[in-house]
């Protein structure tokens, strides 16, 4: 937070110093950054600097992933978020939601070819209807689907998508969901709900917690994986090493899911540090 902010100031200052043949030394003297002449008299061209250099300049390698909870900008949330609606009827506001830039896939049942992507962390948010979506996982349909997805992909944020205000016979379904979107809600209210939940999901901290739950990390393993991810955010060339560490400790979860979530943690960490670029 404040570290990233000071890093942005520092990066900006670095650009201004380019005209004077000076560059900013990231080491600190008496608590203050000091400037020194560039070795060649010129600052390295921007194109020669990697995302890792940007990450190191903004927050270094000590920034804990679990502390990276700041939401992305609204435009970035809409650009990055992937949503699925599992409903046997075509949602009335589907076209309107897409017109606002949201990436939404409509699945009519659990037999839809895209259903498998829900267990692989491809989608960030699911709007789930209760009935008519198929009894592949049990007679309770929506509830059984929800229980299945909670087990294989605990990081998937799921909202009950229903025409009912509340049905006491479906109490477990509503309790297990992360929220409720009524089918007769207006477009503004629905957008606010979707953007709010995507904003919470699309952070490095949330994705890291999802990863830890998915693969069943112990406390010591968690610390090791978090360190490797922090280093990968600061220097993306270390992404494969971070994935290797996570795979070493994985007790559950598919390899595809693991790879996707690790990639999300790193990408969101870089986006958070660079203002969503």
C-alpha atoms as a PDB file:
ATOM      1  CA  UNK A   1       0.000   0.000   0.000  1.00  0.00           C
ATOM      2  CA  UNK A   2       2.267   2.806   1.197  1.00  0.00           C
ATOM      3  CA  UNK A   3       5.261   0.875  -0.162  1.00  0.00           C
ATOM      4  CA  UNK A   4       3.718   0.674  -3.630  1.00  0.00           C
ATOM      5  CA  UNK A   5       2.795   4.365  -3.419  1.00  0.00           C
ATOM      6  CA  UNK A   6       6.321   5.446  -2.585  1.00  0.00           C
ATOM      7  CA  UNK A   7       7.566   3.172  -5.347  1.00  0.00           C
ATOM      8  CA  UNK A   8       5.359   4.975  -7.865  1.00  0.00           C
ATOM      9  CA  UNK A   9       6.820   8.316  -6.758  1.00  0.00           C
ATOM     10  CA  UNK A  10      10.285   6.833  -7.014  1.00  0.00           C
ATOM     11  CA  UNK A  11       9.642   5.465 -10.506  1.00  0.00           C
ATOM     12  CA  UNK A  12       8.295   8.847 -11.597  1.00  0.00           C
ATOM     13  CA  UNK A  13      11.324  10.589 -10.125  1.00  0.00           C
ATOM     14  CA  UNK A  14      13.580   8.146 -11.947  1.00  0.00           C
ATOM     15  CA  UNK A  15      12.055   9.210 -15.248  1.00  0.00           C
ATOM     16  CA  UNK A  16      12.622  12.914 -14.492  1.00  0.00           C
ATOM     17  CA  UNK A  17      16.257  12.313 -13.588  1.00  0.00           C
ATOM     18  CA  UNK A  18      16.917  10.735 -16.993  1.00  0.00           C
ATOM     19  CA  UNK A  19      17.415  14.193 -18.547  1.00  0.00           C
ATOM     20  CA  UNK A  20      20.120  15.071 -16.026  1.00  0.00           C
ATOM     21  CA  UNK A  21      22.156  11.912 -16.424  1.00  0.00           C
ATOM     22  CA  UNK A  22      21.236  10.815 -12.922  1.00  0.00           C
ATOM     23  CA  UNK A  23      19.439   7.705 -11.755  1.00  0.00           C
ATOM     24  CA  UNK A  24      17.907   6.763  -8.427  1.00  0.00           C
ATOM     25  CA  UNK A  25      19.735   4.280  -6.237  1.00  0.00           C
ATOM     26  CA  UNK A  26      17.206   2.006  -4.514  1.00  0.00           C
ATOM     27  CA  UNK A  27      19.558   1.553  -1.547  1.00  0.00           C
ATOM     28  CA  UNK A  28      18.794   3.973   1.257  1.00  0.00           C
ATOM     29  CA  UNK A  29      21.040   6.251   3.231  1.00  0.00           C
ATOM     30  CA  UNK A  30      19.687   7.607   6.523  1.00  0.00           C
ATOM     31  CA  UNK A  31      16.213   6.491   5.483  1.00  0.00           C
ATOM     32  CA  UNK A  32      16.278   8.416   2.187  1.00  0.00           C
ATOM     33  CA  UNK A  33      16.834   7.316  -1.397  1.00  0.00           C
ATOM     34  CA  UNK A  34      19.951   8.942  -2.877  1.00  0.00           C
ATOM     35  CA  UNK A  35      20.747   9.805  -6.493  1.00  0.00           C
ATOM     36  CA  UNK A  36      23.966   8.886  -8.245  1.00  0.00           C
ATOM     37  CA  UNK A  37      25.323   9.445 -11.757  1.00  0.00           C
ATOM     38  CA  UNK A  38      24.358   6.724 -14.228  1.00  0.00           C
ATOM     39  CA  UNK A  39      27.347   4.571 -15.180  1.00  0.00           C
ATOM     40  CA  UNK A  40      27.095   5.503 -18.857  1.00  0.00           C
ATOM     41  CA  UNK A  41      25.728   8.996 -18.315  1.00  0.00           C
ATOM     42  CA  UNK A  42      22.291   7.806 -19.473  1.00  0.00           C
ATOM     43  CA  UNK A  43      19.516   5.877 -17.816  1.00  0.00           C
ATOM     44  CA  UNK A  44      18.732   2.472 -19.308  1.00  0.00           C
ATOM     45  CA  UNK A  45      15.982   2.699 -21.968  1.00  0.00           C
ATOM     46  CA  UNK A  46      12.535   1.743 -20.690  1.00  0.00           C
ATOM     47  CA  UNK A  47      12.383  -1.102 -23.223  1.00  0.00           C
ATOM     48  CA  UNK A  48      15.459  -2.683 -21.636  1.00  0.00           C
ATOM     49  CA  UNK A  49      13.764  -2.951 -18.252  1.00  0.00           C
ATOM     50  CA  UNK A  50      11.702  -6.041 -17.510  1.00  0.00           C
ATOM     51  CA  UNK A  51       8.454  -6.333 -15.554  1.00  0.00           C
ATOM     52  CA  UNK A  52      10.656  -7.765 -12.826  1.00  0.00           C
ATOM     53  CA  UNK A  53      12.617  -4.516 -12.670  1.00  0.00           C
ATOM     54  CA  UNK A  54       9.347  -2.622 -12.352  1.00  0.00           C
ATOM     55  CA  UNK A  55       8.160  -4.988  -9.624  1.00  0.00           C
ATOM     56  CA  UNK A  56      11.414  -4.633  -7.693  1.00  0.00           C
ATOM     57  CA  UNK A  57      11.291  -0.845  -7.977  1.00  0.00           C
ATOM     58  CA  UNK A  58       7.701  -0.667  -6.789  1.00  0.00           C
ATOM     59  CA  UNK A  59       7.678  -2.982  -3.807  1.00  0.00           C
ATOM     60  CA  UNK A  60      10.814  -5.109  -3.720  1.00  0.00           C
ATOM     61  CA  UNK A  61      10.802  -8.837  -3.016  1.00  0.00           C
ATOM     62  CA  UNK A  62       9.635  -8.635   0.610  1.00  0.00           C
ATOM     63  CA  UNK A  63       5.996  -7.718  -0.074  1.00  0.00           C
ATOM     64  CA  UNK A  64       3.872 -10.550   1.330  1.00  0.00           C
ATOM     65  CA  UNK A  65       1.255 -11.826  -1.099  1.00  0.00           C
ATOM     66  CA  UNK A  66      -1.239 -12.256   1.741  1.00  0.00           C
ATOM     67  CA  UNK A  67      -1.074  -8.475   2.357  1.00  0.00           C
ATOM     68  CA  UNK A  68      -1.807  -7.526  -1.253  1.00  0.00           C
ATOM     69  CA  UNK A  69      -5.524  -6.894  -0.823  1.00  0.00           C
ATOM     70  CA  UNK A  70      -5.974  -3.632  -2.744  1.00  0.00           C
ATOM     71  CA  UNK A  71      -8.635  -3.859  -5.443  1.00  0.00           C
ATOM     72  CA  UNK A  72      -7.806  -3.129  -9.056  1.00  0.00           C
ATOM     73  CA  UNK A  73      -9.412  -0.223 -10.874  1.00  0.00           C
ATOM     74  CA  UNK A  74     -12.954  -0.741 -12.138  1.00  0.00           C
ATOM     75  CA  UNK A  75     -11.778  -0.887 -15.753  1.00  0.00           C
ATOM     76  CA  UNK A  76      -9.219  -3.573 -14.883  1.00  0.00           C
ATOM     77  CA  UNK A  77     -11.765  -5.589 -12.922  1.00  0.00           C
ATOM     78  CA  UNK A  78     -14.108  -5.608 -15.904  1.00  0.00           C
ATOM     79  CA  UNK A  79     -11.284  -6.383 -18.331  1.00  0.00           C
ATOM     80  CA  UNK A  80      -9.857  -9.279 -16.344  1.00  0.00           C
ATOM     81  CA  UNK A  81     -12.940 -10.828 -14.728  1.00  0.00           C
ATOM     82  CA  UNK A  82     -14.505 -13.969 -16.180  1.00  0.00           C
ATOM     83  CA  UNK A  83     -18.079 -14.831 -15.263  1.00  0.00           C
ATOM     84  CA  UNK A  84     -20.259 -17.884 -15.839  1.00  0.00           C
ATOM     85  CA  UNK A  85     -24.027 -18.095 -15.449  1.00  0.00           C
ATOM     86  CA  UNK A  86     -25.347 -21.626 -14.949  1.00  0.00           C
ATOM     87  CA  UNK A  87     -29.080 -21.412 -15.657  1.00  0.00           C
ATOM     88  CA  UNK A  88     -31.410 -23.487 -17.838  1.00  0.00           C
ATOM     89  CA  UNK A  89     -33.069 -20.259 -19.029  1.00  0.00           C
ATOM     90  CA  UNK A  90     -31.362 -17.524 -20.991  1.00  0.00           C
ATOM     91  CA  UNK A  91     -30.867 -14.622 -18.537  1.00  0.00           C
ATOM     92  CA  UNK A  92     -32.923 -11.607 -19.593  1.00  0.00           C
ATOM     93  CA  UNK A  93     -30.137  -9.136 -18.852  1.00  0.00           C
ATOM     94  CA  UNK A  94     -27.306 -11.166 -20.407  1.00  0.00           C
ATOM     95  CA  UNK A  95     -27.037  -8.862 -23.412  1.00  0.00           C
ATOM     96  CA  UNK A  96     -27.077  -5.756 -21.214  1.00  0.00           C
ATOM     97  CA  UNK A  97     -24.338  -7.114 -18.954  1.00  0.00           C
ATOM     98  CA  UNK A  98     -22.143  -7.916 -21.933  1.00  0.00           C
ATOM     99  CA  UNK A  99     -22.740  -4.439 -23.337  1.00  0.00           C
ATOM    100  CA  UNK A 100     -21.028  -3.077 -20.204  1.00  0.00           C
ATOM    101  CA  UNK A 101     -17.860  -4.950 -21.118  1.00  0.00           C
ATOM    102  CA  UNK A 102     -18.275  -8.000 -18.889  1.00  0.00           C
ATOM    103  CA  UNK A 103     -16.982 -11.342 -20.146  1.00  0.00           C
ATOM    104  CA  UNK A 104     -19.861 -13.746 -19.476  1.00  0.00           C
ATOM    105  CA  UNK A 105     -20.523 -17.301 -20.634  1.00  0.00           C
ATOM    106  CA  UNK A 106     -23.992 -18.808 -20.304  1.00  0.00           C
ATOM    107  CA  UNK A 107     -24.093 -22.518 -19.416  1.00  0.00           C
ATOM    108  CA  UNK A 108     -27.499 -24.210 -19.640  1.00  0.00           C
ATOM    109  CA  UNK A 109     -26.618 -27.316 -17.620  1.00  0.00           C
ATOM    110  CA  UNK A 110     -23.831 -29.359 -16.074  1.00  0.00           C
ATOM    111  CA  UNK A 111     -23.547 -31.166 -19.430  1.00  0.00           C
ATOM    112  CA  UNK A 112     -22.317 -27.978 -21.094  1.00  0.00           C
ATOM    113  CA  UNK A 113     -18.756 -28.468 -22.474  1.00  0.00           C
ATOM    114  CA  UNK A 114     -17.635 -25.351 -20.597  1.00  0.00           C
ATOM    115  CA  UNK A 115     -18.723 -26.712 -17.205  1.00  0.00           C
ATOM    116  CA  UNK A 116     -15.308 -28.314 -16.621  1.00  0.00           C
ATOM    117  CA  UNK A 117     -13.710 -24.871 -16.662  1.00  0.00           C
ATOM    118  CA  UNK A 118     -15.486 -24.067 -13.402  1.00  0.00           C
ATOM    119  CA  UNK A 119     -13.288 -26.601 -11.618  1.00  0.00           C
ATOM    120  CA  UNK A 120     -10.098 -25.301 -13.268  1.00  0.00           C
ATOM    121  CA  UNK A 121     -10.260 -21.682 -12.007  1.00  0.00           C
ATOM    122  CA  UNK A 122     -10.922 -20.339 -15.504  1.00  0.00           C
ATOM    123  CA  UNK A 123     -13.911 -18.390 -14.169  1.00  0.00           C
ATOM    124  CA  UNK A 124     -13.713 -15.953 -11.262  1.00  0.00           C
ATOM    125  CA  UNK A 125     -17.427 -15.680 -10.517  1.00  0.00           C
ATOM    126  CA  UNK A 126     -20.413 -18.008 -10.967  1.00  0.00           C
ATOM    127  CA  UNK A 127     -24.090 -17.062 -10.916  1.00  0.00           C
ATOM    128  CA  UNK A 128     -25.777 -20.365 -10.074  1.00  0.00           C
ATOM    129  CA  UNK A 129     -29.448 -21.239 -10.478  1.00  0.00           C
ATOM    130  CA  UNK A 130     -30.900 -23.967  -8.277  1.00  0.00           C
ATOM    131  CA  UNK A 131     -33.153 -26.057 -10.493  1.00  0.00           C
ATOM    132  CA  UNK A 132     -33.219 -27.325 -14.048  1.00  0.00           C
ATOM    133  CA  UNK A 133     -29.437 -27.453 -14.484  1.00  0.00           C
ATOM    134  CA  UNK A 134     -29.148 -31.256 -14.343  1.00  0.00           C
ATOM    135  CA  UNK A 135     -28.869 -33.942 -11.681  1.00  0.00           C
ATOM    136  CA  UNK A 136     -25.373 -35.055 -12.647  1.00  0.00           C
ATOM    137  CA  UNK A 137     -24.121 -34.453  -9.107  1.00  0.00           C
ATOM    138  CA  UNK A 138     -27.314 -35.273  -7.211  1.00  0.00           C
ATOM    139  CA  UNK A 139     -31.050 -34.698  -6.991  1.00  0.00           C
ATOM    140  CA  UNK A 140     -30.602 -31.343  -5.239  1.00  0.00           C
ATOM    141  CA  UNK A 141     -29.110 -29.985  -8.469  1.00  0.00           C
ATOM    142  CA  UNK A 142     -27.812 -26.497  -7.613  1.00  0.00           C
ATOM    143  CA  UNK A 143     -26.880 -27.461  -4.061  1.00  0.00           C
ATOM    144  CA  UNK A 144     -25.021 -30.573  -5.179  1.00  0.00           C
ATOM    145  CA  UNK A 145     -23.214 -28.636  -7.915  1.00  0.00           C
ATOM    146  CA  UNK A 146     -22.228 -26.018  -5.349  1.00  0.00           C
ATOM    147  CA  UNK A 147     -20.874 -28.645  -2.951  1.00  0.00           C
ATOM    148  CA  UNK A 148     -18.863 -30.230  -5.755  1.00  0.00           C
ATOM    149  CA  UNK A 149     -17.333 -26.923  -6.850  1.00  0.00           C
ATOM    150  CA  UNK A 150     -16.569 -25.914  -3.251  1.00  0.00           C
ATOM    151  CA  UNK A 151     -14.586 -29.132  -2.901  1.00  0.00           C
ATOM    152  CA  UNK A 152     -12.571 -28.989  -6.143  1.00  0.00           C
ATOM    153  CA  UNK A 153     -12.229 -25.221  -6.533  1.00  0.00           C
ATOM    154  CA  UNK A 154     -12.779 -23.420  -3.201  1.00  0.00           C
ATOM    155  CA  UNK A 155     -11.628 -20.109  -4.670  1.00  0.00           C
ATOM    156  CA  UNK A 156     -14.602 -19.830  -7.039  1.00  0.00           C
ATOM    157  CA  UNK A 157     -16.926 -17.054  -5.843  1.00  0.00           C
ATOM    158  CA  UNK A 158     -20.540 -18.230  -6.262  1.00  0.00           C
ATOM    159  CA  UNK A 159     -23.733 -16.182  -6.128  1.00  0.00           C
ATOM    160  CA  UNK A 160     -27.192 -17.724  -5.944  1.00  0.00           C
ATOM    161  CA  UNK A 161     -29.072 -16.679  -9.080  1.00  0.00           C
ATOM    162  CA  UNK A 162     -32.719 -16.970  -8.248  1.00  0.00           C
ATOM    163  CA  UNK A 163     -36.178 -15.585  -8.929  1.00  0.00           C
ATOM    164  CA  UNK A 164     -37.213 -16.269  -5.331  1.00  0.00           C
ATOM    165  CA  UNK A 165     -36.516 -13.917  -2.447  1.00  0.00           C
ATOM    166  CA  UNK A 166     -35.952 -16.900  -0.157  1.00  0.00           C
ATOM    167  CA  UNK A 167     -37.108 -20.487  -0.101  1.00  0.00           C
ATOM    168  CA  UNK A 168     -36.635 -22.124   3.305  1.00  0.00           C
ATOM    169  CA  UNK A 169     -36.393 -25.556   1.681  1.00  0.00           C
ATOM    170  CA  UNK A 170     -33.272 -24.342  -0.160  1.00  0.00           C
ATOM    171  CA  UNK A 171     -31.664 -22.912   2.976  1.00  0.00           C
ATOM    172  CA  UNK A 172     -28.372 -24.811   2.650  1.00  0.00           C
ATOM    173  CA  UNK A 173     -27.968 -23.602  -0.917  1.00  0.00           C
ATOM    174  CA  UNK A 174     -28.366 -19.947   0.023  1.00  0.00           C
ATOM    175  CA  UNK A 175     -26.101 -20.289   3.075  1.00  0.00           C
ATOM    176  CA  UNK A 176     -23.273 -21.868   1.083  1.00  0.00           C
ATOM    177  CA  UNK A 177     -23.386 -19.223  -1.644  1.00  0.00           C
ATOM    178  CA  UNK A 178     -21.367 -16.021  -1.245  1.00  0.00           C
ATOM    179  CA  UNK A 179     -24.322 -13.811  -2.086  1.00  0.00           C
ATOM    180  CA  UNK A 180     -27.605 -13.584  -3.971  1.00  0.00           C
ATOM    181  CA  UNK A 181     -28.486 -11.979  -7.295  1.00  0.00           C
ATOM    182  CA  UNK A 182     -32.218 -11.858  -7.981  1.00  0.00           C
ATOM    183  CA  UNK A 183     -33.225 -12.492 -11.548  1.00  0.00           C
ATOM    184  CA  UNK A 184     -35.614  -9.559 -11.493  1.00  0.00           C
ATOM    185  CA  UNK A 185     -32.992  -7.109 -10.203  1.00  0.00           C
ATOM    186  CA  UNK A 186     -32.268  -4.061 -12.318  1.00  0.00           C
ATOM    187  CA  UNK A 187     -29.110  -3.846 -14.425  1.00  0.00           C
ATOM    188  CA  UNK A 188     -27.511  -1.298 -12.077  1.00  0.00           C
ATOM    189  CA  UNK A 189     -27.997  -3.429  -8.965  1.00  0.00           C
ATOM    190  CA  UNK A 190     -26.729  -6.543 -10.735  1.00  0.00           C
ATOM    191  CA  UNK A 191     -23.651  -4.731 -12.061  1.00  0.00           C
ATOM    192  CA  UNK A 192     -22.837  -3.436  -8.587  1.00  0.00           C
ATOM    193  CA  UNK A 193     -23.042  -6.958  -7.155  1.00  0.00           C
ATOM    194  CA  UNK A 194     -20.874  -8.446  -9.883  1.00  0.00           C
ATOM    195  CA  UNK A 195     -18.242  -5.718  -9.741  1.00  0.00           C
ATOM    196  CA  UNK A 196     -18.094  -5.864  -5.932  1.00  0.00           C
ATOM    197  CA  UNK A 197     -17.429  -9.614  -5.878  1.00  0.00           C
ATOM    198  CA  UNK A 198     -14.977  -9.509  -8.776  1.00  0.00           C
ATOM    199  CA  UNK A 199     -13.095  -6.740  -6.971  1.00  0.00           C
ATOM    200  CA  UNK A 200     -12.647  -9.007  -3.942  1.00  0.00           C
ATOM    201  CA  UNK A 201     -11.668 -12.056  -5.974  1.00  0.00           C
ATOM    202  CA  UNK A 202      -9.171 -10.358  -8.287  1.00  0.00           C
ATOM    203  CA  UNK A 203      -6.486  -9.668  -5.688  1.00  0.00           C
ATOM    204  CA  UNK A 204      -3.246 -11.593  -5.058  1.00  0.00           C
ATOM    205  CA  UNK A 205      -4.245 -12.182  -1.422  1.00  0.00           C
ATOM    206  CA  UNK A 206      -7.575 -13.815  -2.315  1.00  0.00           C
ATOM    207  CA  UNK A 207      -6.029 -16.029  -4.984  1.00  0.00           C
ATOM    208  CA  UNK A 208      -3.238 -17.078  -2.623  1.00  0.00           C
ATOM    209  CA  UNK A 209      -5.748 -18.082   0.058  1.00  0.00           C
ATOM    210  CA  UNK A 210      -7.635 -20.056  -2.597  1.00  0.00           C
ATOM    211  CA  UNK A 211      -4.415 -21.791  -3.580  1.00  0.00           C
ATOM    212  CA  UNK A 212      -3.558 -22.652   0.032  1.00  0.00           C
ATOM    213  CA  UNK A 213      -7.014 -24.187   0.595  1.00  0.00           C
ATOM    214  CA  UNK A 214      -7.032 -26.009  -2.726  1.00  0.00           C
ATOM    215  CA  UNK A 215      -3.751 -27.854  -2.295  1.00  0.00           C
ATOM    216  CA  UNK A 216      -3.921 -28.206   1.503  1.00  0.00           C
ATOM    217  CA  UNK A 217      -0.840 -26.302   2.678  1.00  0.00           C
ATOM    218  CA  UNK A 218       0.491 -26.584   6.208  1.00  0.00           C
ATOM    219  CA  UNK A 219       1.688 -23.403   7.935  1.00  0.00           C
ATOM    220  CA  UNK A 220       5.353 -23.970   7.031  1.00  0.00           C
ATOM    221  CA  UNK A 221       4.489 -24.920   3.453  1.00  0.00           C
ATOM    222  CA  UNK A 222       2.296 -21.866   3.168  1.00  0.00           C
ATOM    223  CA  UNK A 223       5.193 -19.606   4.136  1.00  0.00           C
ATOM    224  CA  UNK A 224       7.485 -21.227   1.578  1.00  0.00           C
ATOM    225  CA  UNK A 225       4.943 -20.951  -1.229  1.00  0.00           C
ATOM    226  CA  UNK A 226       4.171 -17.336  -0.317  1.00  0.00           C
ATOM    227  CA  UNK A 227       7.864 -16.406  -0.418  1.00  0.00           C
ATOM    228  CA  UNK A 228       8.307 -18.004  -3.825  1.00  0.00           C
ATOM    229  CA  UNK A 229       5.232 -16.194  -5.179  1.00  0.00           C
ATOM    230  CA  UNK A 230       6.426 -12.839  -3.817  1.00  0.00           C
ATOM    231  CA  UNK A 231       9.740 -13.341  -5.598  1.00  0.00           C
ATOM    232  CA  UNK A 232       7.938 -14.283  -8.817  1.00  0.00           C
ATOM    233  CA  UNK A 233       5.856 -11.095  -8.664  1.00  0.00           C
ATOM    234  CA  UNK A 234       9.023  -9.035  -8.221  1.00  0.00           C
ATOM    235  CA  UNK A 235      10.731 -10.973 -11.014  1.00  0.00           C
ATOM    236  CA  UNK A 236       8.360 -12.907 -13.319  1.00  0.00           C
ATOM    237  CA  UNK A 237      11.281 -14.993 -14.567  1.00  0.00           C
ATOM    238  CA  UNK A 238      10.871 -16.902 -11.283  1.00  0.00           C
ATOM    239  CA  UNK A 239       7.310 -17.978 -12.146  1.00  0.00           C
ATOM    240  CA  UNK A 240       8.336 -21.557 -12.963  1.00  0.00           C
ATOM    241  CA  UNK A 241      10.177 -21.836  -9.663  1.00  0.00           C
ATOM    242  CA  UNK A 242       7.084 -20.671  -7.770  1.00  0.00           C
ATOM    243  CA  UNK A 243       4.953 -23.230  -9.602  1.00  0.00           C
ATOM    244  CA  UNK A 244       7.500 -25.926  -8.816  1.00  0.00           C
ATOM    245  CA  UNK A 245       7.357 -25.109  -5.086  1.00  0.00           C
ATOM    246  CA  UNK A 246       3.541 -25.166  -5.083  1.00  0.00           C
ATOM    247  CA  UNK A 247       3.431 -28.500  -6.943  1.00  0.00           C
ATOM    248  CA  UNK A 248       5.861 -30.013  -4.459  1.00  0.00           C
ATOM    249  CA  UNK A 249       3.441 -29.471  -1.583  1.00  0.00           C
ATOM    250  CA  UNK A 250       0.161 -30.103  -3.425  1.00  0.00           C
ATOM    251  CA  UNK A 251      -1.947 -32.810  -1.782  1.00  0.00           C
ATOM    252  CA  UNK A 252      -5.169 -32.155  -3.683  1.00  0.00           C
ATOM    253  CA  UNK A 253      -6.356 -30.197  -6.714  1.00  0.00           C
ATOM    254  CA  UNK A 254      -5.770 -30.750 -10.416  1.00  0.00           C
ATOM    255  CA  UNK A 255      -2.541 -29.659 -12.074  1.00  0.00           C
ATOM    256  CA  UNK A 256      -4.478 -27.353 -14.399  1.00  0.00           C
ATOM    257  CA  UNK A 257      -6.151 -25.641 -11.447  1.00  0.00           C
ATOM    258  CA  UNK A 258      -2.816 -25.242  -9.676  1.00  0.00           C
ATOM    259  CA  UNK A 259      -1.142 -23.704 -12.722  1.00  0.00           C
ATOM    260  CA  UNK A 260      -4.033 -21.302 -13.305  1.00  0.00           C
ATOM    261  CA  UNK A 261      -4.191 -20.022  -9.734  1.00  0.00           C
ATOM    262  CA  UNK A 262      -0.406 -19.576  -9.453  1.00  0.00           C
ATOM    263  CA  UNK A 263      -0.478 -17.587 -12.692  1.00  0.00           C
ATOM    264  CA  UNK A 264      -3.340 -15.435 -11.357  1.00  0.00           C
ATOM    265  CA  UNK A 265      -1.477 -14.624  -8.137  1.00  0.00           C
ATOM    266  CA  UNK A 266       1.572 -13.475 -10.081  1.00  0.00           C
ATOM    267  CA  UNK A 267      -0.316 -11.548 -12.774  1.00  0.00           C
ATOM    268  CA  UNK A 268      -2.541  -9.783 -10.241  1.00  0.00           C
ATOM    269  CA  UNK A 269       0.462  -8.974  -8.072  1.00  0.00           C
ATOM    270  CA  UNK A 270       2.202  -7.278 -10.995  1.00  0.00           C
ATOM    271  CA  UNK A 271      -1.002  -5.499 -12.019  1.00  0.00           C
ATOM    272  CA  UNK A 272      -1.527  -4.211  -8.474  1.00  0.00           C
ATOM    273  CA  UNK A 273       2.020  -2.912  -8.277  1.00  0.00           C
ATOM    274  CA  UNK A 274       1.961  -1.230 -11.681  1.00  0.00           C
ATOM    275  CA  UNK A 275      -1.488   0.273 -11.416  1.00  0.00           C
ATOM    276  CA  UNK A 276      -3.189  -2.421 -13.471  1.00  0.00           C
ATOM    277  CA  UNK A 277      -1.027  -2.156 -16.584  1.00  0.00           C
END
